[in-house]
Amino acid sequence: MPSPKSDSFDVLIFKDGRVLERYSIPLRLNGRSVGRVWSFRDVTARRRAEFVQEAVYRISHTAHTADTLLQLLRAIHEIVGELMPAKNFYVSLYNAENDRLEFPIS
């Protein structure tokens, strides 16, 4: 609990994925603390957008630093798995010689 004389700020993360910022400041009347003013802001969409942007950056960075295609594809799979369930996320490559799709990672 914040001190009656100080401002406070914290972040609430709910099990359903929502993220709220919580601000609190003292309410003063005639120089005396008589309560607190609470403010809540839903930042779920902003947090999600920041997370996706960071994932895109990491994929881009890996595309420039991976030594092999397989290393790149595994990194992409891992990054996507942090954004959503990726158990059924596949990358296929077209093999023109055999006219087939190949799945280099599973």
PDB file of N, CA and C in Angstrom:
ATOM      1  N   MET A   1       0.850  -1.183   0.000  1.00  0.00           N
ATOM      2  CA  MET A   1       0.000   0.000   0.000  1.00  0.00           C
ATOM      3  C   MET A   1       0.892   1.241   0.000  1.00  0.00           C
ATOM      4  N   PRO A   2       0.591   2.207  -0.849  1.00  0.00           N
ATOM      5  CA  PRO A   2       1.422   3.403  -0.901  1.00  0.00           C
ATOM      6  C   PRO A   2       1.293   4.237   0.371  1.00  0.00           C
ATOM      7  N   SER A   3       2.334   4.987   0.632  1.00  0.00           N
ATOM      8  CA  SER A   3       2.302   5.914   1.757  1.00  0.00           C
ATOM      9  C   SER A   3       1.223   6.955   1.498  1.00  0.00           C
ATOM     10  N   PRO A   4       0.503   7.403   2.533  1.00  0.00           N
ATOM     11  CA  PRO A   4      -0.576   8.374   2.329  1.00  0.00           C
ATOM     12  C   PRO A   4      -0.114   9.674   1.673  1.00  0.00           C
ATOM     13  N   LYS A   5       1.164   9.990   1.756  1.00  0.00           N
ATOM     14  CA  LYS A   5       1.663  11.249   1.212  1.00  0.00           C
ATOM     15  C   LYS A   5       2.336  11.113  -0.149  1.00  0.00           C
ATOM     16  N   SER A   6       2.482   9.907  -0.672  1.00  0.00           N
ATOM     17  CA  SER A   6       3.235   9.729  -1.914  1.00  0.00           C
ATOM     18  C   SER A   6       2.349   9.265  -3.075  1.00  0.00           C
ATOM     19  N   ASP A   7       2.815   9.561  -4.276  1.00  0.00           N
ATOM     20  CA  ASP A   7       2.184   9.046  -5.493  1.00  0.00           C
ATOM     21  C   ASP A   7       2.612   7.597  -5.662  1.00  0.00           C
ATOM     22  N   SER A   8       1.838   6.836  -6.395  1.00  0.00           N
ATOM     23  CA  SER A   8       2.243   5.459  -6.688  1.00  0.00           C
ATOM     24  C   SER A   8       1.856   5.095  -8.114  1.00  0.00           C
ATOM     25  N   PHE A   9       2.581   4.130  -8.650  1.00  0.00           N
ATOM     26  CA  PHE A   9       2.326   3.615  -9.987  1.00  0.00           C
ATOM     27  C   PHE A   9       2.698   2.149  -9.987  1.00  0.00           C
ATOM     28  N   ASP A  10       1.867   1.316 -10.607  1.00  0.00           N
ATOM     29  CA  ASP A  10       2.226  -0.077 -10.831  1.00  0.00           C
ATOM     30  C   ASP A  10       1.441  -0.621 -12.005  1.00  0.00           C
ATOM     31  N   VAL A  11       1.802  -1.809 -12.414  1.00  0.00           N
ATOM     32  CA  VAL A  11       1.191  -2.467 -13.570  1.00  0.00           C
ATOM     33  C   VAL A  11       0.510  -3.733 -13.078  1.00  0.00           C
ATOM     34  N   LEU A  12      -0.736  -3.920 -13.498  1.00  0.00           N
ATOM     35  CA  LEU A  12      -1.513  -5.109 -13.135  1.00  0.00           C
ATOM     36  C   LEU A  12      -1.642  -5.985 -14.368  1.00  0.00           C
ATOM     37  N   ILE A  13      -1.220  -7.232 -14.259  1.00  0.00           N
ATOM     38  CA  ILE A  13      -1.321  -8.181 -15.366  1.00  0.00           C
ATOM     39  C   ILE A  13      -2.308  -9.263 -14.946  1.00  0.00           C
ATOM     40  N   PHE A  14      -3.394  -9.368 -15.699  1.00  0.00           N
ATOM     41  CA  PHE A  14      -4.453 -10.320 -15.370  1.00  0.00           C
ATOM     42  C   PHE A  14      -4.232 -11.650 -16.084  1.00  0.00           C
ATOM     43  N   LYS A  15      -4.801 -12.702 -15.539  1.00  0.00           N
ATOM     44  CA  LYS A  15      -4.664 -14.039 -16.126  1.00  0.00           C
ATOM     45  C   LYS A  15      -5.200 -14.103 -17.553  1.00  0.00           C
ATOM     46  N   ASP A  16      -6.212 -13.277 -17.867  1.00  0.00           N
ATOM     47  CA  ASP A  16      -6.794 -13.302 -19.212  1.00  0.00           C
ATOM     48  C   ASP A  16      -5.977 -12.493 -20.220  1.00  0.00           C
ATOM     49  N   GLY A  17      -4.822 -11.953 -19.803  1.00  0.00           N
ATOM     50  CA  GLY A  17      -3.942 -11.240 -20.725  1.00  0.00           C
ATOM     51  C   GLY A  17      -4.063  -9.724 -20.680  1.00  0.00           C
ATOM     52  N   ARG A  18      -5.098  -9.203 -20.038  1.00  0.00           N
ATOM     53  CA  ARG A  18      -5.239  -7.747 -19.955  1.00  0.00           C
ATOM     54  C   ARG A  18      -4.138  -7.151 -19.087  1.00  0.00           C
ATOM     55  N   VAL A  19      -3.708  -5.939 -19.458  1.00  0.00           N
ATOM     56  CA  VAL A  19      -2.678  -5.233 -18.705  1.00  0.00           C
ATOM     57  C   VAL A  19      -3.201  -3.835 -18.396  1.00  0.00           C
ATOM     58  N   LEU A  20      -3.210  -3.495 -17.111  1.00  0.00           N
ATOM     59  CA  LEU A  20      -3.657  -2.170 -16.685  1.00  0.00           C
ATOM     60  C   LEU A  20      -2.525  -1.460 -15.958  1.00  0.00           C
ATOM     61  N   GLU A  21      -2.395  -0.151 -16.219  1.00  0.00           N
ATOM     62  CA  GLU A  21      -1.516   0.685 -15.423  1.00  0.00           C
ATOM     63  C   GLU A  21      -2.371   1.334 -14.344  1.00  0.00           C
ATOM     64  N   ARG A  22      -1.855   1.366 -13.131  1.00  0.00           N
ATOM     65  CA  ARG A  22      -2.605   1.918 -12.006  1.00  0.00           C
ATOM     66  C   ARG A  22      -1.800   3.067 -11.390  1.00  0.00           C
ATOM     67  N   TYR A  23      -2.414   4.243 -11.367  1.00  0.00           N
ATOM     68  CA  TYR A  23      -1.807   5.424 -10.764  1.00  0.00           C
ATOM     69  C   TYR A  23      -2.624   5.806  -9.540  1.00  0.00           C
ATOM     70  N   SER A  24      -1.943   6.333  -8.540  1.00  0.00           N
ATOM     71  CA  SER A  24      -2.635   6.790  -7.345  1.00  0.00           C
ATOM     72  C   SER A  24      -1.908   8.024  -6.803  1.00  0.00           C
ATOM     73  N   ILE A  25      -2.696   9.042  -6.444  1.00  0.00           N
ATOM     74  CA  ILE A  25      -2.133  10.250  -5.834  1.00  0.00           C
ATOM     75  C   ILE A  25      -2.960  10.603  -4.609  1.00  0.00           C
ATOM     76  N   PRO A  26      -2.327  11.248  -3.645  1.00  0.00           N
ATOM     77  CA  PRO A  26      -3.083  11.638  -2.446  1.00  0.00           C
ATOM     78  C   PRO A  26      -4.108  12.724  -2.783  1.00  0.00           C
ATOM     79  N   LEU A  27      -5.236  12.681  -2.132  1.00  0.00           N
ATOM     80  CA  LEU A  27      -6.252  13.723  -2.223  1.00  0.00           C
ATOM     81  C   LEU A  27      -6.135  14.560  -0.953  1.00  0.00           C
ATOM     82  N   ARG A  28      -5.839  15.838  -1.152  1.00  0.00           N
ATOM     83  CA  ARG A  28      -5.627  16.716   0.005  1.00  0.00           C
ATOM     84  C   ARG A  28      -6.736  17.755   0.086  1.00  0.00           C
ATOM     85  N   LEU A  29      -7.097  18.059   1.285  1.00  0.00           N
ATOM     86  CA  LEU A  29      -8.094  19.091   1.557  1.00  0.00           C
ATOM     87  C   LEU A  29      -7.541  19.949   2.690  1.00  0.00           C
ATOM     88  N   ASN A  30      -7.346  21.224   2.384  1.00  0.00           N
ATOM     89  CA  ASN A  30      -6.753  22.139   3.374  1.00  0.00           C
ATOM     90  C   ASN A  30      -5.403  21.635   3.878  1.00  0.00           C
ATOM     91  N   GLY A  31      -4.586  21.108   2.941  1.00  0.00           N
ATOM     92  CA  GLY A  31      -3.248  20.645   3.302  1.00  0.00           C
ATOM     93  C   GLY A  31      -3.212  19.316   4.027  1.00  0.00           C
ATOM     94  N   ARG A  32      -4.348  18.698   4.203  1.00  0.00           N
ATOM     95  CA  ARG A  32      -4.438  17.430   4.924  1.00  0.00           C
ATOM     96  C   ARG A  32      -4.832  16.309   3.972  1.00  0.00           C
ATOM     97  N   SER A  33      -4.200  15.161   4.088  1.00  0.00           N
ATOM     98  CA  SER A  33      -4.539  14.002   3.266  1.00  0.00           C
ATOM     99  C   SER A  33      -5.870  13.433   3.731  1.00  0.00           C
ATOM    100  N   VAL A  34      -6.850  13.370   2.795  1.00  0.00           N
ATOM    101  CA  VAL A  34      -8.172  12.858   3.160  1.00  0.00           C
ATOM    102  C   VAL A  34      -8.568  11.622   2.350  1.00  0.00           C
ATOM    103  N   GLY A  35      -7.693  11.206   1.448  1.00  0.00           N
ATOM    104  CA  GLY A  35      -7.999  10.041   0.629  1.00  0.00           C
ATOM    105  C   GLY A  35      -7.011   9.907  -0.505  1.00  0.00           C
ATOM    106  N   ARG A  36      -7.381   9.079  -1.471  1.00  0.00           N
ATOM    107  CA  ARG A  36      -6.524   8.861  -2.641  1.00  0.00           C
ATOM    108  C   ARG A  36      -7.385   8.904  -3.887  1.00  0.00           C
ATOM    109  N   VAL A  37      -6.776   9.343  -4.974  1.00  0.00           N
ATOM    110  CA  VAL A  37      -7.412   9.323  -6.287  1.00  0.00           C
ATOM    111  C   VAL A  37      -6.710   8.227  -7.091  1.00  0.00           C
ATOM    112  N   TRP A  38      -7.495   7.292  -7.582  1.00  0.00           N
ATOM    113  CA  TRP A  38      -6.959   6.170  -8.356  1.00  0.00           C
ATOM    114  C   TRP A  38      -7.331   6.333  -9.817  1.00  0.00           C
ATOM    115  N   SER A  39      -6.405   6.001 -10.676  1.00  0.00           N
ATOM    116  CA  SER A  39      -6.641   6.060 -12.118  1.00  0.00           C
ATOM    117  C   SER A  39      -6.124   4.761 -12.731  1.00  0.00           C
ATOM    118  N   PHE A  40      -6.940   4.158 -13.577  1.00  0.00           N
ATOM    119  CA  PHE A  40      -6.559   2.916 -14.246  1.00  0.00           C
ATOM    120  C   PHE A  40      -6.592   3.145 -15.750  1.00  0.00           C
ATOM    121  N   ARG A  41      -5.578   2.626 -16.454  1.00  0.00           N
ATOM    122  CA  ARG A  41      -5.550   2.750 -17.913  1.00  0.00           C
ATOM    123  C   ARG A  41      -5.256   1.379 -18.511  1.00  0.00           C
ATOM    124  N   ASP A  42      -6.108   0.952 -19.442  1.00  0.00           N
ATOM    125  CA  ASP A  42      -5.923  -0.327 -20.120  1.00  0.00           C
ATOM    126  C   ASP A  42      -4.865  -0.137 -21.209  1.00  0.00           C
ATOM    127  N   VAL A  43      -3.725  -0.801 -21.044  1.00  0.00           N
ATOM    128  CA  VAL A  43      -2.622  -0.688 -22.010  1.00  0.00           C
ATOM    129  C   VAL A  43      -2.368  -2.022 -22.719  1.00  0.00           C
ATOM    130  N   THR A  44      -3.372  -2.882 -22.711  1.00  0.00           N
ATOM    131  CA  THR A  44      -3.228  -4.212 -23.296  1.00  0.00           C
ATOM    132  C   THR A  44      -2.820  -4.139 -24.768  1.00  0.00           C
ATOM    133  N   ALA A  45      -3.527  -3.341 -25.557  1.00  0.00           N
ATOM    134  CA  ALA A  45      -3.237  -3.260 -26.995  1.00  0.00           C
ATOM    135  C   ALA A  45      -1.852  -2.687 -27.246  1.00  0.00           C
ATOM    136  N   ARG A  46      -1.483  -1.664 -26.489  1.00  0.00           N
ATOM    137  CA  ARG A  46      -0.154  -1.068 -26.665  1.00  0.00           C
ATOM    138  C   ARG A  46       0.941  -2.070 -26.317  1.00  0.00           C
ATOM    139  N   ARG A  47       0.770  -2.781 -25.217  1.00  0.00           N
ATOM    140  CA  ARG A  47       1.766  -3.785 -24.818  1.00  0.00           C
ATOM    141  C   ARG A  47       1.897  -4.889 -25.869  1.00  0.00           C
ATOM    142  N   ARG A  48       0.763  -5.322 -26.396  1.00  0.00           N
ATOM    143  CA  ARG A  48       0.783  -6.379 -27.420  1.00  0.00           C
ATOM    144  C   ARG A  48       1.493  -5.884 -28.672  1.00  0.00           C
ATOM    145  N   ALA A  49       1.209  -4.655 -29.096  1.00  0.00           N
ATOM    146  CA  ALA A  49       1.858  -4.080 -30.278  1.00  0.00           C
ATOM    147  C   ALA A  49       3.372  -3.974 -30.072  1.00  0.00           C
ATOM    148  N   GLU A  50       3.791  -3.598 -28.877  1.00  0.00           N
ATOM    149  CA  GLU A  50       5.223  -3.508 -28.579  1.00  0.00           C
ATOM    150  C   GLU A  50       5.872  -4.888 -28.641  1.00  0.00           C
ATOM    151  N   PHE A  51       5.168  -5.902 -28.146  1.00  0.00           N
ATOM    152  CA  PHE A  51       5.675  -7.268 -28.149  1.00  0.00           C
ATOM    153  C   PHE A  51       5.830  -7.786 -29.579  1.00  0.00           C
ATOM    154  N   VAL A  52       4.822  -7.509 -30.427  1.00  0.00           N
ATOM    155  CA  VAL A  52       4.876  -7.926 -31.830  1.00  0.00           C
ATOM    156  C   VAL A  52       5.997  -7.191 -32.557  1.00  0.00           C
ATOM    157  N   GLN A  53       6.134  -5.893 -32.307  1.00  0.00           N
ATOM    158  CA  GLN A  53       7.192  -5.112 -32.941  1.00  0.00           C
ATOM    159  C   GLN A  53       8.570  -5.666 -32.572  1.00  0.00           C
ATOM    160  N   GLU A  54       8.751  -6.016 -31.316  1.00  0.00           N
ATOM    161  CA  GLU A  54      10.025  -6.593 -30.882  1.00  0.00           C
ATOM    162  C   GLU A  54      10.277  -7.937 -31.575  1.00  0.00           C
ATOM    163  N   ALA A  55       9.235  -8.734 -31.742  1.00  0.00           N
ATOM    164  CA  ALA A  55       9.382 -10.028 -32.421  1.00  0.00           C
ATOM    165  C   ALA A  55       9.794  -9.825 -33.880  1.00  0.00           C
ATOM    166  N   VAL A  56       9.182  -8.854 -34.547  1.00  0.00           N
ATOM    167  CA  VAL A  56       9.539  -8.572 -35.945  1.00  0.00           C
ATOM    168  C   VAL A  56      10.990  -8.115 -36.033  1.00  0.00           C
ATOM    169  N   TYR A  57      11.415  -7.283 -35.104  1.00  0.00           N
ATOM    170  CA  TYR A  57      12.805  -6.842 -35.068  1.00  0.00           C
ATOM    171  C   TYR A  57      13.740  -8.039 -34.893  1.00  0.00           C
ATOM    172  N   ARG A  58      13.408  -8.941 -33.973  1.00  0.00           N
ATOM    173  CA  ARG A  58      14.256 -10.110 -33.736  1.00  0.00           C
ATOM    174  C   ARG A  58      14.333 -11.013 -34.960  1.00  0.00           C
ATOM    175  N   ILE A  59      13.216 -11.170 -35.668  1.00  0.00           N
ATOM    176  CA  ILE A  59      13.228 -11.976 -36.897  1.00  0.00           C
ATOM    177  C   ILE A  59      14.117 -11.306 -37.941  1.00  0.00           C
ATOM    178  N   SER A  60      13.985 -10.003 -38.093  1.00  0.00           N
ATOM    179  CA  SER A  60      14.809  -9.260 -39.053  1.00  0.00           C
ATOM    180  C   SER A  60      16.291  -9.387 -38.709  1.00  0.00           C
ATOM    181  N   HIS A  61      16.608  -9.226 -37.435  1.00  0.00           N
ATOM    182  CA  HIS A  61      18.004  -9.342 -37.008  1.00  0.00           C
ATOM    183  C   HIS A  61      18.539 -10.747 -37.300  1.00  0.00           C
ATOM    184  N   THR A  62      17.739 -11.759 -36.988  1.00  0.00           N
ATOM    185  CA  THR A  62      18.157 -13.140 -37.220  1.00  0.00           C
ATOM    186  C   THR A  62      18.336 -13.418 -38.709  1.00  0.00           C
ATOM    187  N   ALA A  63      17.499 -12.810 -39.544  1.00  0.00           N
ATOM    188  CA  ALA A  63      17.623 -12.994 -40.992  1.00  0.00           C
ATOM    189  C   ALA A  63      18.982 -12.504 -41.497  1.00  0.00           C
ATOM    190  N   HIS A  64      19.542 -11.527 -40.806  1.00  0.00           N
ATOM    191  CA  HIS A  64      20.836 -10.992 -41.217  1.00  0.00           C
ATOM    192  C   HIS A  64      22.020 -11.699 -40.553  1.00  0.00           C
ATOM    193  N   THR A  65      21.761 -12.442 -39.488  1.00  0.00           N
ATOM    194  CA  THR A  65      22.869 -13.046 -38.748  1.00  0.00           C
ATOM    195  C   THR A  65      22.895 -14.575 -38.779  1.00  0.00           C
ATOM    196  N   ALA A  66      21.823 -15.198 -39.207  1.00  0.00           N
ATOM    197  CA  ALA A  66      21.781 -16.667 -39.223  1.00  0.00           C
ATOM    198  C   ALA A  66      22.778 -17.203 -40.244  1.00  0.00           C
ATOM    199  N   ASP A  67      23.455 -18.262 -39.860  1.00  0.00           N
ATOM    200  CA  ASP A  67      24.438 -18.874 -40.757  1.00  0.00           C
ATOM    201  C   ASP A  67      23.795 -19.784 -41.793  1.00  0.00           C
ATOM    202  N   THR A  68      22.644 -20.365 -41.452  1.00  0.00           N
ATOM    203  CA  THR A  68      21.987 -21.287 -42.374  1.00  0.00           C
ATOM    204  C   THR A  68      20.488 -20.986 -42.409  1.00  0.00           C
ATOM    205  N   LEU A  69      19.858 -21.452 -43.468  1.00  0.00           N
ATOM    206  CA  LEU A  69      18.410 -21.303 -43.573  1.00  0.00           C
ATOM    207  C   LEU A  69      17.713 -22.044 -42.439  1.00  0.00           C
ATOM    208  N   LEU A  70      18.198 -23.209 -42.105  1.00  0.00           N
ATOM    209  CA  LEU A  70      17.584 -23.984 -41.028  1.00  0.00           C
ATOM    210  C   LEU A  70      17.674 -23.238 -39.692  1.00  0.00           C
ATOM    211  N   GLN A  71      18.795 -22.587 -39.432  1.00  0.00           N
ATOM    212  CA  GLN A  71      18.951 -21.794 -38.206  1.00  0.00           C
ATOM    213  C   GLN A  71      17.933 -20.646 -38.190  1.00  0.00           C
ATOM    214  N   LEU A  72      17.754 -19.999 -39.333  1.00  0.00           N
ATOM    215  CA  LEU A  72      16.782 -18.911 -39.439  1.00  0.00           C
ATOM    216  C   LEU A  72      15.364 -19.427 -39.190  1.00  0.00           C
ATOM    217  N   LEU A  73      14.995 -20.524 -39.822  1.00  0.00           N
ATOM    218  CA  LEU A  73      13.638 -21.055 -39.677  1.00  0.00           C
ATOM    219  C   LEU A  73      13.352 -21.489 -38.244  1.00  0.00           C
ATOM    220  N   ARG A  74      14.340 -22.087 -37.591  1.00  0.00           N
ATOM    221  CA  ARG A  74      14.147 -22.489 -36.186  1.00  0.00           C
ATOM    222  C   ARG A  74      13.953 -21.261 -35.302  1.00  0.00           C
ATOM    223  N   ALA A  75      14.713 -20.196 -35.560  1.00  0.00           N
ATOM    224  CA  ALA A  75      14.569 -18.966 -34.770  1.00  0.00           C
ATOM    225  C   ALA A  75      13.192 -18.352 -34.994  1.00  0.00           C
ATOM    226  N   ILE A  76      12.734 -18.319 -36.233  1.00  0.00           N
ATOM    227  CA  ILE A  76      11.402 -17.779 -36.533  1.00  0.00           C
ATOM    228  C   ILE A  76      10.341 -18.587 -35.804  1.00  0.00           C
ATOM    229  N   HIS A  77      10.464 -19.886 -35.829  1.00  0.00           N
ATOM    230  CA  HIS A  77       9.504 -20.758 -35.139  1.00  0.00           C
ATOM    231  C   HIS A  77       9.485 -20.444 -33.643  1.00  0.00           C
ATOM    232  N   GLU A  78      10.634 -20.274 -33.050  1.00  0.00           N
ATOM    233  CA  GLU A  78      10.717 -19.970 -31.620  1.00  0.00           C
ATOM    234  C   GLU A  78      10.090 -18.610 -31.302  1.00  0.00           C
ATOM    235  N   ILE A  79      10.379 -17.612 -32.133  1.00  0.00           N
ATOM    236  CA  ILE A  79       9.853 -16.260 -31.902  1.00  0.00           C
ATOM    237  C   ILE A  79       8.332 -16.244 -32.049  1.00  0.00           C
ATOM    238  N   VAL A  80       7.836 -16.882 -33.093  1.00  0.00           N
ATOM    239  CA  VAL A  80       6.382 -16.953 -33.291  1.00  0.00           C
ATOM    240  C   VAL A  80       5.735 -17.691 -32.116  1.00  0.00           C
ATOM    241  N   GLY A  81       6.421 -18.704 -31.590  1.00  0.00           N
ATOM    242  CA  GLY A  81       5.910 -19.451 -30.445  1.00  0.00           C
ATOM    243  C   GLY A  81       5.774 -18.611 -29.189  1.00  0.00           C
ATOM    244  N   GLU A  82       6.505 -17.506 -29.112  1.00  0.00           N
ATOM    245  CA  GLU A  82       6.367 -16.597 -27.974  1.00  0.00           C
ATOM    246  C   GLU A  82       5.141 -15.700 -28.135  1.00  0.00           C
ATOM    247  N   LEU A  83       4.673 -15.529 -29.371  1.00  0.00           N
ATOM    248  CA  LEU A  83       3.518 -14.681 -29.646  1.00  0.00           C
ATOM    249  C   LEU A  83       2.201 -15.439 -29.556  1.00  0.00           C
ATOM    250  N   MET A  84       2.241 -16.713 -29.915  1.00  0.00           N
ATOM    251  CA  MET A  84       1.016 -17.522 -29.973  1.00  0.00           C
ATOM    252  C   MET A  84       1.408 -18.997 -29.933  1.00  0.00           C
ATOM    253  N   PRO A  85       0.467 -19.867 -29.678  1.00  0.00           N
ATOM    254  CA  PRO A  85       0.786 -21.294 -29.748  1.00  0.00           C
ATOM    255  C   PRO A  85       1.254 -21.635 -31.161  1.00  0.00           C
ATOM    256  N   ALA A  86       2.430 -22.255 -31.268  1.00  0.00           N
ATOM    257  CA  ALA A  86       3.010 -22.515 -32.586  1.00  0.00           C
ATOM    258  C   ALA A  86       3.233 -24.006 -32.838  1.00  0.00           C
ATOM    259  N   LYS A  87       2.516 -24.837 -32.120  1.00  0.00           N
ATOM    260  CA  LYS A  87       2.684 -26.283 -32.295  1.00  0.00           C
ATOM    261  C   LYS A  87       2.405 -26.687 -33.747  1.00  0.00           C
ATOM    262  N   ASN A  88       1.415 -26.054 -34.361  1.00  0.00           N
ATOM    263  CA  ASN A  88       1.058 -26.382 -35.747  1.00  0.00           C
ATOM    264  C   ASN A  88       1.520 -25.298 -36.719  1.00  0.00           C
ATOM    265  N   PHE A  89       2.624 -24.646 -36.420  1.00  0.00           N
ATOM    266  CA  PHE A  89       3.202 -23.623 -37.282  1.00  0.00           C
ATOM    267  C   PHE A  89       4.293 -24.280 -38.125  1.00  0.00           C
ATOM    268  N   TYR A  90       4.121 -24.252 -39.425  1.00  0.00           N
ATOM    269  CA  TYR A  90       5.072 -24.902 -40.314  1.00  0.00           C
ATOM    270  C   TYR A  90       5.560 -23.924 -41.374  1.00  0.00           C
ATOM    271  N   VAL A  91       6.769 -24.159 -41.824  1.00  0.00           N
ATOM    272  CA  VAL A  91       7.323 -23.429 -42.965  1.00  0.00           C
ATOM    273  C   VAL A  91       7.614 -24.477 -44.023  1.00  0.00           C
ATOM    274  N   SER A  92       7.161 -24.211 -45.232  1.00  0.00           N
ATOM    275  CA  SER A  92       7.452 -25.158 -46.308  1.00  0.00           C
ATOM    276  C   SER A  92       8.281 -24.458 -47.373  1.00  0.00           C
ATOM    277  N   LEU A  93       9.120 -25.234 -48.006  1.00  0.00           N
ATOM    278  CA  LEU A  93       9.937 -24.742 -49.110  1.00  0.00           C
ATOM    279  C   LEU A  93       9.577 -25.540 -50.354  1.00  0.00           C
ATOM    280  N   TYR A  94       9.477 -24.842 -51.462  1.00  0.00           N
ATOM    281  CA  TYR A  94       9.145 -25.521 -52.719  1.00  0.00           C
ATOM    282  C   TYR A  94      10.424 -26.001 -53.378  1.00  0.00           C
ATOM    283  N   ASN A  95      10.477 -27.302 -53.653  1.00  0.00           N
ATOM    284  CA  ASN A  95      11.605 -27.904 -54.362  1.00  0.00           C
ATOM    285  C   ASN A  95      11.191 -28.059 -55.813  1.00  0.00           C
ATOM    286  N   ALA A  96      11.715 -27.183 -56.668  1.00  0.00           N
ATOM    287  CA  ALA A  96      11.324 -27.168 -58.081  1.00  0.00           C
ATOM    288  C   ALA A  96      11.784 -28.430 -58.803  1.00  0.00           C
ATOM    289  N   GLU A  97      12.925 -28.994 -58.416  1.00  0.00           N
ATOM    290  CA  GLU A  97      13.438 -30.201 -59.079  1.00  0.00           C
ATOM    291  C   GLU A  97      12.472 -31.366 -58.934  1.00  0.00           C
ATOM    292  N   ASN A  98      11.893 -31.501 -57.760  1.00  0.00           N
ATOM    293  CA  ASN A  98      10.980 -32.614 -57.474  1.00  0.00           C
ATOM    294  C   ASN A  98       9.516 -32.207 -57.537  1.00  0.00           C
ATOM    295  N   ASP A  99       9.256 -30.905 -57.741  1.00  0.00           N
ATOM    296  CA  ASP A  99       7.898 -30.363 -57.724  1.00  0.00           C
ATOM    297  C   ASP A  99       7.179 -30.769 -56.448  1.00  0.00           C
ATOM    298  N   ARG A 100       7.860 -30.535 -55.295  1.00  0.00           N
ATOM    299  CA  ARG A 100       7.326 -30.928 -53.996  1.00  0.00           C
ATOM    300  C   ARG A 100       7.533 -29.807 -52.970  1.00  0.00           C
ATOM    301  N   LEU A 101       6.680 -29.828 -51.962  1.00  0.00           N
ATOM    302  CA  LEU A 101       6.889 -28.970 -50.809  1.00  0.00           C
ATOM    303  C   LEU A 101       7.676 -29.743 -49.776  1.00  0.00           C
ATOM    304  N   GLU A 102       8.672 -29.103 -49.178  1.00  0.00           N
ATOM    305  CA  GLU A 102       9.466 -29.720 -48.144  1.00  0.00           C
ATOM    306  C   GLU A 102       9.303 -28.941 -46.850  1.00  0.00           C
ATOM    307  N   PHE A 103       9.315 -29.649 -45.756  1.00  0.00           N
ATOM    308  CA  PHE A 103       9.153 -29.045 -44.437  1.00  0.00           C
ATOM    309  C   PHE A 103      10.460 -29.244 -43.662  1.00  0.00           C
ATOM    310  N   PRO A 104      11.345 -28.253 -43.689  1.00  0.00           N
ATOM    311  CA  PRO A 104      12.672 -28.431 -43.088  1.00  0.00           C
ATOM    312  C   PRO A 104      12.674 -28.517 -41.569  1.00  0.00           C
ATOM    313  N   ILE A 105      11.652 -27.965 -40.913  1.00  0.00           N
ATOM    314  CA  ILE A 105      11.563 -28.095 -39.453  1.00  0.00           C
ATOM    315  C   ILE A 105      10.178 -28.626 -39.114  1.00  0.00           C
ATOM    316  N   SER A 106      10.123 -29.327 -37.989  1.00  0.00           N
ATOM    317  CA  SER A 106       8.808 -29.835 -37.562  1.00  0.00           C
ATOM    318  C   SER A 106       8.647 -29.702 -36.082  1.00  0.00           C
TER     319      SER A 106
END
